[in-house]
Amino acid sequence: MNSEAEIERKLIKEVKKIGGKALKLVSPGYAGVPDRLILIAIGHIGFVEVKAPGKKPRKLQMKRHKELRELGFKTYVLDDINQIGGIIDAIRTT
């Protein structure tokens, strides 16, 4: 089983492979935002919350995910390396 850090490193690697960026989000004063902002050419954006296998987002994180989705942004929870390709594909097709 992979750790949260290993899953995040693999996400970053796979996004870089296709020429994208996986930016770490730090938002003082606005806690609960997803861990990574995924940017893929041309103009494809998605947010990814990385969790250890089987772990769920906290209540505040779920609230932020809902807010982002209501603004029209794709937002994902990633807790398994096998989900990475599907998440990247979903972001690329928006």
N, C-alpha and C. Protein backbone atom coordinates (compact mmCIF):
# COMPACT_ATOMS: atom_id res chain seq x y z
N MET A 1 0.84 -1.17 0.00
CA MET A 1 0.00 0.00 0.00
C MET A 1 0.89 1.25 0.00
N ASN A 2 0.51 2.22 -0.78
CA ASN A 2 1.29 3.45 -0.91
C ASN A 2 0.88 4.48 0.13
N SER A 3 1.84 5.30 0.57
CA SER A 3 1.55 6.38 1.50
C SER A 3 0.99 7.58 0.73
N GLU A 4 0.45 8.53 1.46
CA GLU A 4 -0.05 9.76 0.85
C GLU A 4 1.06 10.47 0.08
N ALA A 5 2.26 10.53 0.66
CA ALA A 5 3.38 11.19 -0.01
C ALA A 5 3.75 10.49 -1.31
N GLU A 6 3.73 9.17 -1.31
CA GLU A 6 4.06 8.41 -2.53
C GLU A 6 3.01 8.65 -3.61
N ILE A 7 1.75 8.69 -3.22
CA ILE A 7 0.68 8.95 -4.18
C ILE A 7 0.83 10.35 -4.77
N GLU A 8 1.14 11.32 -3.92
CA GLU A 8 1.32 12.69 -4.40
C GLU A 8 2.51 12.80 -5.35
N ARG A 9 3.61 12.17 -5.02
CA ARG A 9 4.79 12.19 -5.91
C ARG A 9 4.46 11.57 -7.28
N LYS A 10 3.71 10.49 -7.28
CA LYS A 10 3.34 9.84 -8.54
C LYS A 10 2.41 10.74 -9.36
N LEU A 11 1.48 11.42 -8.70
CA LEU A 11 0.61 12.36 -9.39
C LEU A 11 1.44 13.44 -10.08
N ILE A 12 2.37 14.03 -9.34
CA ILE A 12 3.23 15.09 -9.88
C ILE A 12 3.99 14.57 -11.09
N LYS A 13 4.57 13.39 -10.97
CA LYS A 13 5.35 12.78 -12.05
C LYS A 13 4.50 12.58 -13.31
N GLU A 14 3.30 12.05 -13.13
CA GLU A 14 2.44 11.76 -14.28
C GLU A 14 1.95 13.04 -14.96
N VAL A 15 1.66 14.06 -14.18
CA VAL A 15 1.24 15.34 -14.76
C VAL A 15 2.40 15.96 -15.54
N LYS A 16 3.61 15.90 -14.98
CA LYS A 16 4.79 16.43 -15.67
C LYS A 16 5.04 15.70 -16.99
N LYS A 17 4.80 14.39 -17.01
CA LYS A 17 5.01 13.58 -18.22
C LYS A 17 4.24 14.13 -19.41
N ILE A 18 3.07 14.71 -19.15
CA ILE A 18 2.25 15.21 -20.26
C ILE A 18 2.41 16.72 -20.44
N GLY A 19 3.42 17.28 -19.79
CA GLY A 19 3.72 18.70 -19.95
C GLY A 19 2.90 19.62 -19.07
N GLY A 20 2.21 19.05 -18.08
CA GLY A 20 1.38 19.86 -17.19
C GLY A 20 2.12 20.28 -15.92
N LYS A 21 1.40 20.97 -15.08
CA LYS A 21 1.92 21.42 -13.79
C LYS A 21 1.00 20.90 -12.69
N ALA A 22 1.59 20.50 -11.56
CA ALA A 22 0.84 20.06 -10.39
C ALA A 22 1.29 20.95 -9.24
N LEU A 23 0.68 22.10 -9.14
CA LEU A 23 1.10 23.11 -8.18
C LEU A 23 0.58 22.81 -6.78
N LYS A 24 1.43 22.95 -5.79
CA LYS A 24 1.05 22.79 -4.39
C LYS A 24 0.28 24.03 -3.96
N LEU A 25 -0.89 23.81 -3.39
CA LEU A 25 -1.69 24.95 -2.94
C LEU A 25 -1.48 25.20 -1.45
N VAL A 26 -1.18 26.43 -1.13
CA VAL A 26 -1.10 26.88 0.25
C VAL A 26 -1.94 28.15 0.31
N SER A 27 -2.94 28.15 1.14
CA SER A 27 -3.88 29.26 1.15
C SER A 27 -4.12 29.77 2.56
N PRO A 28 -3.22 30.60 3.06
CA PRO A 28 -3.43 31.17 4.39
C PRO A 28 -4.77 31.92 4.45
N GLY A 29 -5.50 31.68 5.51
CA GLY A 29 -6.78 32.36 5.67
C GLY A 29 -7.93 31.67 4.96
N TYR A 30 -7.67 30.62 4.23
CA TYR A 30 -8.72 29.89 3.53
C TYR A 30 -8.38 28.40 3.60
N ALA A 31 -8.47 27.86 4.79
CA ALA A 31 -8.10 26.46 5.04
C ALA A 31 -9.02 25.50 4.30
N GLY A 32 -8.50 24.31 4.07
CA GLY A 32 -9.31 23.24 3.49
C GLY A 32 -9.25 23.12 1.98
N VAL A 33 -8.46 23.96 1.31
CA VAL A 33 -8.37 23.85 -0.14
C VAL A 33 -7.63 22.57 -0.51
N PRO A 34 -7.91 22.01 -1.69
CA PRO A 34 -7.21 20.79 -2.11
C PRO A 34 -5.70 20.98 -2.18
N ASP A 35 -4.97 19.87 -2.10
CA ASP A 35 -3.51 19.88 -2.07
C ASP A 35 -2.87 20.38 -3.35
N ARG A 36 -3.42 20.01 -4.49
CA ARG A 36 -2.78 20.29 -5.78
C ARG A 36 -3.74 20.94 -6.76
N LEU A 37 -3.21 21.90 -7.49
CA LEU A 37 -3.90 22.52 -8.62
C LEU A 37 -3.23 21.94 -9.86
N ILE A 38 -4.00 21.23 -10.66
CA ILE A 38 -3.47 20.58 -11.86
C ILE A 38 -3.78 21.46 -13.07
N LEU A 39 -2.74 21.82 -13.80
CA LEU A 39 -2.87 22.66 -15.00
C LEU A 39 -2.34 21.88 -16.20
N ILE A 40 -3.21 21.69 -17.18
CA ILE A 40 -2.84 20.93 -18.38
C ILE A 40 -3.21 21.76 -19.60
N ALA A 41 -2.32 21.80 -20.59
CA ALA A 41 -2.56 22.57 -21.81
C ALA A 41 -3.79 22.01 -22.54
N ILE A 42 -4.53 22.78 -23.15
CA ILE A 42 -4.58 24.23 -23.17
C ILE A 42 -5.80 24.64 -22.34
N GLY A 43 -5.56 25.16 -21.15
CA GLY A 43 -6.62 25.69 -20.31
C GLY A 43 -7.41 24.69 -19.49
N HIS A 44 -6.86 23.53 -19.25
CA HIS A 44 -7.56 22.52 -18.45
C HIS A 44 -7.08 22.60 -17.00
N ILE A 45 -8.05 22.71 -16.07
CA ILE A 45 -7.74 22.91 -14.67
C ILE A 45 -8.54 21.94 -13.81
N GLY A 46 -7.89 21.40 -12.79
CA GLY A 46 -8.58 20.56 -11.82
C GLY A 46 -7.88 20.65 -10.47
N PHE A 47 -8.63 20.39 -9.42
CA PHE A 47 -8.09 20.38 -8.07
C PHE A 47 -8.06 18.95 -7.57
N VAL A 48 -6.98 18.58 -6.87
CA VAL A 48 -6.84 17.22 -6.35
C VAL A 48 -6.46 17.26 -4.88
N GLU A 49 -7.26 16.61 -4.08
CA GLU A 49 -6.98 16.39 -2.66
C GLU A 49 -6.35 15.01 -2.56
N VAL A 50 -5.13 14.93 -2.06
CA VAL A 50 -4.42 13.65 -1.94
C VAL A 50 -4.57 13.13 -0.51
N LYS A 51 -4.97 11.87 -0.40
CA LYS A 51 -5.16 11.23 0.89
C LYS A 51 -4.44 9.89 0.91
N ALA A 52 -4.13 9.43 2.12
CA ALA A 52 -3.61 8.08 2.28
C ALA A 52 -4.72 7.11 1.89
N PRO A 53 -4.36 5.91 1.45
CA PRO A 53 -5.37 4.94 1.04
C PRO A 53 -6.46 4.75 2.09
N GLY A 54 -7.70 4.88 1.64
CA GLY A 54 -8.84 4.68 2.50
C GLY A 54 -9.22 5.86 3.38
N LYS A 55 -8.41 6.91 3.40
CA LYS A 55 -8.71 8.09 4.22
C LYS A 55 -9.67 9.00 3.47
N LYS A 56 -10.50 9.68 4.21
CA LYS A 56 -11.50 10.59 3.64
C LYS A 56 -11.15 12.04 3.98
N PRO A 57 -11.59 12.97 3.14
CA PRO A 57 -11.36 14.39 3.44
C PRO A 57 -12.10 14.80 4.72
N ARG A 58 -11.54 15.78 5.40
CA ARG A 58 -12.18 16.34 6.58
C ARG A 58 -13.41 17.14 6.15
N LYS A 59 -14.26 17.44 7.12
CA LYS A 59 -15.50 18.16 6.85
C LYS A 59 -15.24 19.50 6.14
N LEU A 60 -14.25 20.26 6.63
CA LEU A 60 -13.93 21.54 6.00
C LEU A 60 -13.44 21.34 4.56
N GLN A 61 -12.64 20.30 4.33
CA GLN A 61 -12.17 20.01 2.98
C GLN A 61 -13.34 19.70 2.06
N MET A 62 -14.30 18.93 2.54
CA MET A 62 -15.47 18.61 1.72
C MET A 62 -16.27 19.87 1.39
N LYS A 63 -16.34 20.79 2.34
CA LYS A 63 -17.01 22.07 2.09
C LYS A 63 -16.30 22.83 0.98
N ARG A 64 -14.97 22.90 1.05
CA ARG A 64 -14.21 23.61 0.01
C ARG A 64 -14.37 22.94 -1.35
N HIS A 65 -14.38 21.61 -1.38
CA HIS A 65 -14.56 20.88 -2.64
C HIS A 65 -15.92 21.25 -3.25
N LYS A 66 -16.94 21.29 -2.41
CA LYS A 66 -18.28 21.65 -2.87
C LYS A 66 -18.29 23.06 -3.45
N GLU A 67 -17.64 23.99 -2.76
CA GLU A 67 -17.58 25.38 -3.24
C GLU A 67 -16.90 25.44 -4.61
N LEU A 68 -15.80 24.72 -4.77
CA LEU A 68 -15.09 24.71 -6.05
C LEU A 68 -15.95 24.11 -7.16
N ARG A 69 -16.63 23.01 -6.85
CA ARG A 69 -17.51 22.38 -7.85
C ARG A 69 -18.65 23.31 -8.25
N GLU A 70 -19.19 24.03 -7.26
CA GLU A 70 -20.27 24.98 -7.57
C GLU A 70 -19.79 26.11 -8.48
N LEU A 71 -18.49 26.40 -8.45
CA LEU A 71 -17.91 27.40 -9.35
C LEU A 71 -17.56 26.80 -10.72
N GLY A 72 -17.79 25.49 -10.87
CA GLY A 72 -17.55 24.83 -12.15
C GLY A 72 -16.21 24.16 -12.29
N PHE A 73 -15.44 24.04 -11.20
CA PHE A 73 -14.13 23.40 -11.26
C PHE A 73 -14.22 21.92 -10.92
N LYS A 74 -13.48 21.13 -11.67
CA LYS A 74 -13.39 19.71 -11.36
C LYS A 74 -12.51 19.54 -10.12
N THR A 75 -13.00 18.75 -9.18
CA THR A 75 -12.31 18.55 -7.92
C THR A 75 -12.36 17.07 -7.57
N TYR A 76 -11.20 16.51 -7.24
CA TYR A 76 -11.09 15.06 -7.02
C TYR A 76 -10.41 14.75 -5.70
N VAL A 77 -10.73 13.59 -5.16
CA VAL A 77 -10.01 13.04 -4.01
C VAL A 77 -9.25 11.83 -4.53
N LEU A 78 -7.95 11.82 -4.32
CA LEU A 78 -7.06 10.77 -4.81
C LEU A 78 -6.48 10.02 -3.62
N ASP A 79 -6.79 8.72 -3.52
CA ASP A 79 -6.23 7.92 -2.42
C ASP A 79 -5.65 6.59 -2.91
N ASP A 80 -5.46 6.49 -4.23
CA ASP A 80 -4.93 5.26 -4.82
C ASP A 80 -4.19 5.61 -6.11
N ILE A 81 -2.98 5.15 -6.23
CA ILE A 81 -2.18 5.43 -7.43
C ILE A 81 -2.92 5.05 -8.71
N ASN A 82 -3.73 4.02 -8.66
CA ASN A 82 -4.46 3.57 -9.84
C ASN A 82 -5.51 4.57 -10.32
N GLN A 83 -5.85 5.56 -9.52
CA GLN A 83 -6.82 6.59 -9.91
C GLN A 83 -6.19 7.72 -10.71
N ILE A 84 -4.89 7.82 -10.69
CA ILE A 84 -4.21 8.99 -11.28
C ILE A 84 -4.52 9.16 -12.76
N GLY A 85 -4.39 8.11 -13.54
CA GLY A 85 -4.65 8.21 -14.98
C GLY A 85 -6.06 8.68 -15.28
N GLY A 86 -7.03 8.17 -14.55
CA GLY A 86 -8.42 8.57 -14.76
C GLY A 86 -8.67 10.02 -14.40
N ILE A 87 -8.05 10.47 -13.33
CA ILE A 87 -8.21 11.87 -12.93
C ILE A 87 -7.57 12.79 -13.96
N ILE A 88 -6.38 12.46 -14.41
CA ILE A 88 -5.72 13.28 -15.44
C ILE A 88 -6.56 13.31 -16.71
N ASP A 89 -7.05 12.15 -17.13
CA ASP A 89 -7.90 12.10 -18.34
C ASP A 89 -9.16 12.96 -18.18
N ALA A 90 -9.78 12.92 -16.99
CA ALA A 90 -10.99 13.71 -16.75
C ALA A 90 -10.68 15.20 -16.82
N ILE A 91 -9.55 15.60 -16.28
CA ILE A 91 -9.16 17.02 -16.33
C ILE A 91 -8.87 17.44 -17.77
N ARG A 92 -8.21 16.58 -18.51
CA ARG A 92 -7.84 16.91 -19.90
C ARG A 92 -9.05 17.07 -20.81
N THR A 93 -10.15 16.45 -20.48
CA THR A 93 -11.31 16.44 -21.38
C THR A 93 -12.35 17.48 -21.03
N THR A 94 -11.97 18.45 -20.21
CA THR A 94 -12.95 19.51 -19.87
C THR A 94 -12.75 20.71 -20.75
